[in-house]
Amino acid sequence: MPVKNRFSEWLPEITAWRRDIHAHPELGYDTHRTAALVADKLRAFGCDEVVTGIGRTGVVGVIRGRHPGDGVVGLRADMDALPIEEATGADHASTIPGKMHACGHDGHTAMLLGAARYLAETRNFAGTAIVVFQPAEEGGGGGLAMCEDGLMDRFGIQEVYGMHNWPGQPQGRFSIRPGPFFASTDEFTLQVRGVGGHAAKPQIAVDTTLMGAHLVTALQSIASRNADPVEQVVVSVTSFRTSSDAYNVLPSAAELRGTVRTMDAGQRDMAERRIKAIAAGIAATFGGEVEVRYDRNYPVMANHDAQTAFAADVARDVSGDCGDAPLVMGGEDFAYMLLERPGAYILLGNGDSAPVHHPEYDFEDQIIPAGCSWLTGLVEQRLKAA
């Protein structure tokens, strides 16, 4: 089952869908135009059901095979863009200032639409295919919102699969790994309080800048001295602001923000404990206060073994190869769907493009046939007619 000729024939049309979505990016749950476009096309393709409003602005299409069967396979794509000013100079560049599809969700949506069109036309499988178009992957937890709206139970999904384009990986080449794949994505905020004063009289102040500097340094010890060296842990302070920007004032308050990335629940717990303990120790040392807010966001995204092997087999059928993917310390809210059902997530090479979340990034349209073929292959092979 190599790349299907139908998708090569449809490439100009699917590319046009992708570029239209690219030119009209929407953030978070505010994907109303994109969701309407998706729903209209699913109806035009002849899906048996098209349901909107799952997870606020998510869209679900139901496609029943022409052979009897009880199997149900879910295929998911994300629809949202990023708050970035585009710098590609492309003819299809964003028409909305400060917003762009810098992660390729426009391509993911277009590929799943192409797959839905093919599955609705051929129906050469026994069971049901569920196509899931999700909002708010970029930090909004749209995957969780759809699950909380009953996605899996309502549509009877038994297995679920997702895909992401991957810059730096050869165009059309797949890669995957079993088990933990994308990291958990926690955030912390440290509110540092002391006693302000004149910079010439530090002895009568409690210097929050000094406390903050020690916090930045000490937090690095979590990964280097508290984590098992073979585990993946990242603790990064990404923002340090004080309540004064004057040259001669010791500020009375400061705020530090950062992120924690791990691949293991135990290491995640450890990092949270150590941040709080370090903050308390530095506050006591300097006579100030440090209030810690620790927010757990996306969990570790872990592929299921059997479904990973199956997804890799389908990928090899499409492109002749499926490599071993690296661990990724970025987050992915497909994790929530994999907590509810067995499934797998795969990477599809975008070639030598700018990295994702970069103002010069653009999805490579030439990989569309490979992505569509993998999505449809999952359904036709998993729900193979007797």
Protein backbone atom coordinates (compact mmCIF):
# COMPACT_ATOMS: atom_id res chain seq x y z
CA MET A 1 0.00 0.00 0.00
CA PRO A 2 2.26 2.82 -1.23
CA VAL A 3 1.10 6.45 -1.57
CA LYS A 4 -2.34 6.28 -3.12
CA ASN A 5 -2.65 7.69 -6.64
CA ARG A 6 -5.90 9.36 -5.65
CA PHE A 7 -4.08 11.65 -3.21
CA SER A 8 -1.51 12.58 -5.83
CA GLU A 9 -4.38 13.48 -8.16
CA TRP A 10 -6.07 15.47 -5.41
CA LEU A 11 -2.88 17.22 -4.28
CA PRO A 12 -3.67 20.59 -5.93
CA GLU A 13 -7.12 20.64 -4.34
CA ILE A 14 -5.96 19.56 -0.87
CA THR A 15 -3.12 22.09 -1.12
CA ALA A 16 -5.66 24.80 -1.85
CA TRP A 17 -7.59 23.85 1.29
CA ARG A 18 -4.38 23.96 3.31
CA ARG A 19 -3.34 27.34 1.98
CA ASP A 20 -6.77 28.82 2.58
CA ILE A 21 -6.60 27.70 6.22
CA HIS A 22 -3.04 29.04 6.41
CA ALA A 23 -4.13 32.46 5.16
CA HIS A 24 -6.85 32.65 7.83
CA PRO A 25 -5.23 31.47 11.09
CA GLU A 26 -7.24 31.23 14.31
CA LEU A 27 -5.99 30.82 17.86
CA GLY A 28 -7.00 28.46 20.66
CA TYR A 29 -10.71 27.74 20.75
CA ASP A 30 -11.48 30.64 18.41
CA THR A 31 -11.36 28.34 15.39
CA HIS A 32 -14.85 29.15 14.16
CA ARG A 33 -13.98 29.73 10.49
CA THR A 34 -11.75 26.68 10.29
CA ALA A 35 -14.31 24.48 12.06
CA ALA A 36 -17.06 25.66 9.71
CA LEU A 37 -14.87 24.93 6.68
CA VAL A 38 -14.11 21.45 8.02
CA ALA A 39 -17.76 20.69 8.81
CA ASP A 40 -18.92 21.89 5.38
CA LYS A 41 -16.42 19.69 3.59
CA LEU A 42 -17.23 16.63 5.70
CA ARG A 43 -20.89 17.06 4.83
CA ALA A 44 -20.04 17.48 1.15
CA PHE A 45 -17.94 14.30 1.27
CA GLY A 46 -21.01 12.40 2.47
CA CYS A 47 -19.97 11.56 6.03
CA ASP A 48 -22.70 9.67 7.86
CA GLU A 49 -22.64 12.17 10.73
CA VAL A 50 -20.96 15.53 11.27
CA VAL A 51 -21.01 16.85 14.82
CA THR A 52 -19.77 20.30 15.81
CA GLY A 53 -19.17 21.87 19.20
CA ILE A 54 -17.28 18.94 20.76
CA GLY A 55 -14.68 20.54 23.02
CA ARG A 56 -16.21 23.96 22.30
CA THR A 57 -15.19 24.28 18.64
CA GLY A 58 -14.10 20.76 17.74
CA VAL A 59 -15.60 18.87 14.79
CA VAL A 60 -16.16 15.11 14.46
CA GLY A 61 -17.07 13.17 11.34
CA VAL A 62 -18.41 9.60 11.30
CA ILE A 63 -17.73 7.38 8.28
CA ARG A 64 -19.12 3.85 8.23
CA GLY A 65 -17.52 1.19 6.07
CA ARG A 66 -19.50 -0.75 3.48
CA HIS A 67 -18.70 -4.00 5.26
CA PRO A 68 -20.19 -4.96 8.64
CA GLY A 69 -17.87 -4.68 11.62
CA ASP A 70 -17.68 -3.46 15.20
CA GLY A 71 -14.23 -1.85 15.09
CA VAL A 72 -13.94 1.93 15.51
CA VAL A 73 -10.73 3.83 14.74
CA GLY A 74 -10.25 7.51 15.55
CA LEU A 75 -7.99 9.83 13.52
CA ARG A 76 -7.15 13.24 14.99
CA ALA A 77 -5.84 16.53 13.56
CA ASP A 78 -5.37 19.90 15.29
CA MET A 79 -6.69 23.16 13.80
CA ASP A 80 -5.27 26.12 15.77
CA ALA A 81 -2.49 28.55 14.91
CA LEU A 82 0.03 30.56 16.96
CA PRO A 83 0.35 34.23 18.01
CA ILE A 84 3.34 34.86 15.72
CA GLU A 85 3.88 37.46 12.99
CA GLU A 86 4.49 35.56 9.76
CA ALA A 87 7.69 36.21 7.79
CA THR A 88 7.48 33.62 5.00
CA GLY A 89 6.58 36.05 2.22
CA ALA A 90 4.42 33.30 0.70
CA ASP A 91 1.48 34.11 -1.54
CA HIS A 92 -0.74 32.27 0.94
CA ALA A 93 0.75 34.00 4.01
CA SER A 94 -1.44 34.95 6.93
CA THR A 95 -3.88 37.77 6.29
CA ILE A 96 -4.28 38.39 10.04
CA PRO A 97 -1.53 40.40 11.77
CA GLY A 98 0.10 38.63 14.70
CA LYS A 99 -1.30 35.19 13.86
CA MET A 100 0.13 32.40 11.72
CA HIS A 101 0.13 28.66 11.21
CA ALA A 102 3.70 28.22 12.44
CA CYS A 103 3.30 24.58 13.50
CA GLY A 104 1.63 22.99 10.48
CA HIS A 105 -1.81 22.41 11.94
CA ASP A 106 -3.17 23.73 8.65
CA GLY A 107 -1.44 20.80 6.95
CA HIS A 108 -2.65 18.32 9.55
CA THR A 109 -6.24 19.48 9.03
CA ALA A 110 -5.94 19.36 5.24
CA MET A 111 -4.47 15.83 5.30
CA LEU A 112 -7.25 14.53 7.52
CA LEU A 113 -9.82 16.18 5.26
CA GLY A 114 -8.24 14.43 2.30
CA ALA A 115 -8.35 11.12 4.16
CA ALA A 116 -12.00 11.69 5.12
CA ARG A 117 -12.92 12.37 1.51
CA TYR A 118 -11.28 9.13 0.38
CA LEU A 119 -12.77 7.00 3.17
CA ALA A 120 -16.26 8.42 2.57
CA GLU A 121 -15.94 7.69 -1.14
CA THR A 122 -14.46 4.19 -1.02
CA ARG A 123 -15.68 2.84 2.35
CA ASN A 124 -13.50 -0.21 1.80
CA PHE A 125 -13.39 -1.25 5.44
CA ALA A 126 -15.46 -3.08 8.05
CA GLY A 127 -16.43 -0.86 10.95
CA THR A 128 -16.34 2.89 11.54
CA ALA A 129 -13.78 5.63 11.04
CA ILE A 130 -14.04 8.73 13.26
CA VAL A 131 -12.24 11.85 12.04
CA VAL A 132 -11.53 14.30 14.87
CA PHE A 133 -10.62 17.95 14.28
CA GLN A 134 -9.42 19.52 17.51
CA PRO A 135 -9.02 23.17 18.56
CA ALA A 136 -6.58 24.64 21.08
CA GLU A 137 -3.62 22.29 20.94
CA GLU A 138 -1.17 25.16 21.44
CA GLY A 139 -1.55 25.41 25.21
CA GLY A 140 -5.33 25.44 25.44
CA GLY A 141 -5.91 21.75 26.15
CA GLY A 142 -8.43 21.20 23.36
CA GLY A 143 -7.74 17.47 23.44
CA LEU A 144 -8.76 17.34 27.09
CA ALA A 145 -11.86 19.45 26.36
CA MET A 146 -12.98 17.05 23.65
CA CYS A 147 -12.41 14.05 25.92
CA GLU A 148 -14.35 15.74 28.73
CA ASP A 149 -17.20 16.26 26.26
CA GLY A 150 -17.36 12.49 25.87
CA LEU A 151 -15.51 12.10 22.57
CA MET A 152 -14.37 8.54 23.13
CA ASP A 153 -17.55 7.08 24.59
CA ARG A 154 -20.00 9.04 22.43
CA PHE A 155 -18.42 7.81 19.19
CA GLY A 156 -17.27 4.43 20.49
CA ILE A 157 -13.62 5.04 19.62
CA GLN A 158 -11.48 1.97 20.39
CA GLU A 159 -8.10 3.19 19.13
CA VAL A 160 -6.88 6.69 18.24
CA TYR A 161 -4.03 7.95 16.07
CA GLY A 162 -2.40 11.30 15.41
CA MET A 163 0.42 12.80 13.36
CA HIS A 164 2.76 15.81 13.33
CA ASN A 165 4.93 17.13 10.53
CA TRP A 166 8.62 17.26 11.49
CA PRO A 167 11.10 19.79 10.06
CA GLY A 168 14.61 18.41 9.59
CA GLN A 169 13.31 14.93 8.79
CA PRO A 170 13.30 14.00 5.07
CA GLN A 171 10.08 14.81 3.27
CA GLY A 172 7.55 12.00 3.48
CA ARG A 173 9.66 9.86 5.85
CA PHE A 174 7.94 8.63 9.01
CA SER A 175 9.39 8.05 12.46
CA ILE A 176 7.86 6.85 15.71
CA ARG A 177 8.72 5.43 19.13
CA PRO A 178 6.81 3.38 21.72
CA GLY A 179 6.25 4.60 25.26
CA PRO A 180 6.98 8.17 26.45
CA PHE A 181 7.43 10.39 23.40
CA PHE A 182 6.53 14.03 24.17
CA ALA A 183 7.16 15.60 27.58
CA SER A 184 4.83 16.87 30.26
CA THR A 185 4.66 20.68 30.20
CA ASP A 186 4.36 22.25 33.64
CA GLU A 187 4.74 25.92 34.52
CA PHE A 188 5.82 27.66 37.70
CA THR A 189 5.64 31.23 39.01
CA LEU A 190 7.70 32.42 41.98
CA GLN A 191 6.55 35.60 43.70
CA VAL A 192 9.55 36.97 45.60
CA ARG A 193 8.94 39.53 48.36
CA GLY A 194 11.45 41.46 50.42
CA VAL A 195 12.04 44.98 51.66
CA GLY A 196 12.77 47.69 49.14
CA GLY A 197 15.27 50.43 49.68
CA HIS A 198 17.98 52.65 48.29
CA ALA A 199 20.65 50.80 46.34
CA ALA A 200 23.31 52.67 48.37
CA LYS A 201 21.99 51.17 51.61
CA PRO A 202 21.54 47.43 50.95
CA GLN A 203 21.96 46.63 54.66
CA ILE A 204 18.48 47.94 55.46
CA ALA A 205 16.75 46.14 52.58
CA VAL A 206 15.90 42.55 51.72
CA ASP A 207 17.09 42.42 48.13
CA THR A 208 14.66 40.52 45.91
CA THR A 209 16.98 40.78 42.91
CA LEU A 210 19.64 38.88 44.85
CA MET A 211 17.08 36.33 46.00
CA GLY A 212 15.88 35.89 42.44
CA ALA A 213 19.42 35.44 41.15
CA HIS A 214 20.05 32.70 43.70
CA LEU A 215 16.76 31.06 42.70
CA VAL A 216 17.75 31.00 39.03
CA THR A 217 21.07 29.39 39.90
CA ALA A 218 19.72 26.94 42.47
CA LEU A 219 16.87 25.71 40.27
CA GLN A 220 19.44 24.43 37.77
CA SER A 221 20.57 21.94 40.41
CA ILE A 222 17.31 20.02 40.07
CA ALA A 223 18.25 18.56 36.69
CA SER A 224 21.96 18.28 37.45
CA ARG A 225 21.86 16.98 41.05
CA ASN A 226 18.36 15.70 41.91
CA ALA A 227 17.30 13.89 38.74
CA ASP A 228 18.59 10.48 37.77
CA PRO A 229 21.15 11.20 35.01
CA VAL A 230 19.40 8.77 32.64
CA GLU A 231 16.04 10.53 33.05
CA GLN A 232 14.95 13.51 30.97
CA VAL A 233 14.25 16.60 33.11
CA VAL A 234 14.34 20.24 32.05
CA VAL A 235 13.85 23.13 34.50
CA SER A 236 14.11 26.51 32.79
CA VAL A 237 13.54 29.99 34.22
CA THR A 238 12.25 31.97 31.27
CA SER A 239 11.28 35.30 32.84
CA PHE A 240 12.72 37.45 35.67
CA ARG A 241 11.05 40.77 36.41
CA THR A 242 11.36 43.13 39.38
CA SER A 243 9.03 45.81 40.65
CA SER A 244 11.49 48.60 39.77
CA ASP A 245 13.65 49.44 36.78
CA ALA A 246 15.48 52.33 38.44
CA TYR A 247 19.25 52.25 38.76
CA ASN A 248 19.26 53.26 42.41
CA VAL A 249 16.36 51.23 43.85
CA LEU A 250 16.40 47.79 45.40
CA PRO A 251 12.96 46.43 44.42
CA SER A 252 10.59 45.11 47.05
CA ALA A 253 9.23 42.38 44.77
CA ALA A 254 10.24 40.18 41.86
CA GLU A 255 8.59 37.49 39.78
CA LEU A 256 10.22 34.50 38.14
CA ARG A 257 8.48 32.26 35.65
CA GLY A 258 9.55 29.05 34.01
CA THR A 259 8.75 25.61 32.72
CA VAL A 260 9.41 22.01 33.77
CA ARG A 261 9.58 19.21 31.21
CA THR A 262 9.81 15.54 32.16
CA MET A 263 9.17 12.11 30.67
CA ASP A 264 8.29 10.36 33.91
CA ALA A 265 5.59 10.92 36.55
CA GLY A 266 8.04 10.36 39.39
CA GLN A 267 10.50 12.91 38.02
CA ARG A 268 7.62 15.33 37.55
CA ASP A 269 6.71 15.00 41.24
CA MET A 270 10.34 15.36 42.25
CA ALA A 271 10.80 18.56 40.26
CA GLU A 272 7.75 20.16 41.85
CA ARG A 273 8.91 19.20 45.37
CA ARG A 274 12.41 20.54 44.78
CA ILE A 275 11.21 23.87 43.36
CA LYS A 276 9.12 24.43 46.47
CA ALA A 277 11.92 23.33 48.82
CA ILE A 278 14.53 25.51 47.10
CA ALA A 279 12.19 28.51 47.18
CA ALA A 280 11.54 28.03 50.90
CA GLY A 281 15.25 27.65 51.64
CA ILE A 282 16.29 30.79 49.77
CA ALA A 283 13.48 32.79 51.37
CA ALA A 284 14.71 31.70 54.82
CA THR A 285 18.34 32.40 53.95
CA PHE A 286 17.74 35.99 52.91
CA GLY A 287 14.86 36.84 55.22
CA GLY A 288 12.26 37.33 52.51
CA GLU A 289 9.30 35.36 51.20
CA VAL A 290 8.81 33.26 48.09
CA GLU A 291 5.35 32.12 47.07
CA VAL A 292 5.29 29.23 44.58
CA ARG A 293 2.54 28.52 42.09
CA TYR A 294 3.04 25.26 40.21
CA ASP A 295 0.63 24.45 37.38
CA ARG A 296 0.52 21.01 35.81
CA ASN A 297 -0.36 21.25 32.15
CA TYR A 298 -0.10 18.58 29.46
CA PRO A 299 0.90 15.13 30.76
CA VAL A 300 3.57 12.98 29.17
CA MET A 301 2.39 11.73 25.79
CA ALA A 302 3.09 8.00 25.68
CA ASN A 303 2.45 5.75 22.69
CA HIS A 304 1.00 2.29 23.27
CA ASP A 305 3.25 -0.57 22.19
CA ALA A 306 0.91 -2.61 19.97
CA GLN A 307 -0.56 0.44 18.26
CA THR A 308 2.92 1.90 17.72
CA ALA A 309 4.05 -1.27 15.95
CA PHE A 310 0.91 -1.21 13.79
CA ALA A 311 1.31 2.49 12.94
CA ALA A 312 4.94 1.86 11.96
CA ASP A 313 3.95 -1.04 9.71
CA VAL A 314 1.43 1.16 7.90
CA ALA A 315 4.05 3.89 7.54
CA ARG A 316 6.51 1.42 6.02
CA ASP A 317 3.83 0.33 3.58
CA VAL A 318 3.38 3.96 2.52
CA SER A 319 6.97 5.19 2.31
CA GLY A 320 9.13 2.09 2.52
CA ASP A 321 10.65 3.11 5.84
CA CYS A 322 9.78 4.19 9.36
CA GLY A 323 12.63 5.39 11.55
CA ASP A 324 13.10 5.65 15.30
CA ALA A 325 11.87 9.04 16.50
CA PRO A 326 13.75 10.98 19.16
CA LEU A 327 12.36 11.89 22.55
CA VAL A 328 10.76 15.31 22.28
CA MET A 329 10.80 17.69 25.25
CA GLY A 330 8.01 19.73 23.70
CA GLY A 331 4.43 19.02 24.74
CA GLU A 332 1.47 17.57 22.85
CA ASP A 333 -2.10 17.43 24.12
CA PHE A 334 -2.86 14.30 22.10
CA ALA A 335 -1.55 12.88 25.39
CA TYR A 336 -5.06 13.23 26.83
CA MET A 337 -6.55 11.07 24.10
CA LEU A 338 -3.87 8.42 24.62
CA LEU A 339 -4.77 8.34 28.31
CA GLU A 340 -8.35 7.45 27.34
CA ARG A 341 -7.69 4.97 24.53
CA PRO A 342 -4.77 2.97 23.15
CA GLY A 343 -3.17 4.54 20.14
CA ALA A 344 -0.05 6.09 18.67
CA TYR A 345 1.38 9.36 17.38
CA ILE A 346 3.81 9.52 14.46
CA LEU A 347 6.13 12.12 12.89
CA LEU A 348 6.10 12.85 9.14
CA GLY A 349 9.15 14.57 7.68
CA ASN A 350 8.65 18.17 6.49
CA GLY A 351 12.11 18.35 4.90
CA ASP A 352 14.66 21.11 5.29
CA SER A 353 12.22 23.78 6.46
CA ALA A 354 12.37 26.35 9.21
CA PRO A 355 11.55 24.81 12.61
CA VAL A 356 8.03 24.86 13.98
CA HIS A 357 7.02 27.96 15.97
CA HIS A 358 9.33 30.05 13.76
CA PRO A 359 8.03 33.04 11.72
CA GLU A 360 9.55 31.60 8.53
CA TYR A 361 8.10 28.11 8.94
CA ASP A 362 5.67 26.72 6.36
CA PHE A 363 4.13 23.29 5.93
CA GLU A 364 5.47 21.37 2.92
CA ASP A 365 2.53 20.54 0.65
CA GLN A 366 4.40 17.73 -1.13
CA ILE A 367 4.08 15.49 1.95
CA ILE A 368 0.27 15.59 1.83
CA PRO A 369 -0.16 12.35 -0.20
CA ALA A 370 2.02 10.41 2.25
CA GLY A 371 0.12 11.72 5.26
CA CYS A 372 -3.28 11.03 3.70
CA SER A 373 -2.19 7.52 2.68
CA TRP A 374 -1.02 6.73 6.22
CA LEU A 375 -4.30 7.93 7.74
CA THR A 376 -6.44 5.93 5.36
CA GLY A 377 -4.13 2.93 5.63
CA LEU A 378 -4.70 2.81 9.39
CA VAL A 379 -8.43 2.43 8.83
CA GLU A 380 -8.30 0.03 5.88
CA GLN A 381 -5.77 -2.28 7.56
CA ARG A 382 -7.10 -2.17 11.11
CA LEU A 383 -10.70 -2.57 9.92
CA LYS A 384 -9.90 -4.90 7.06
CA ALA A 385 -12.94 -6.54 5.52
CA ALA A 386 -13.04 -10.34 5.79
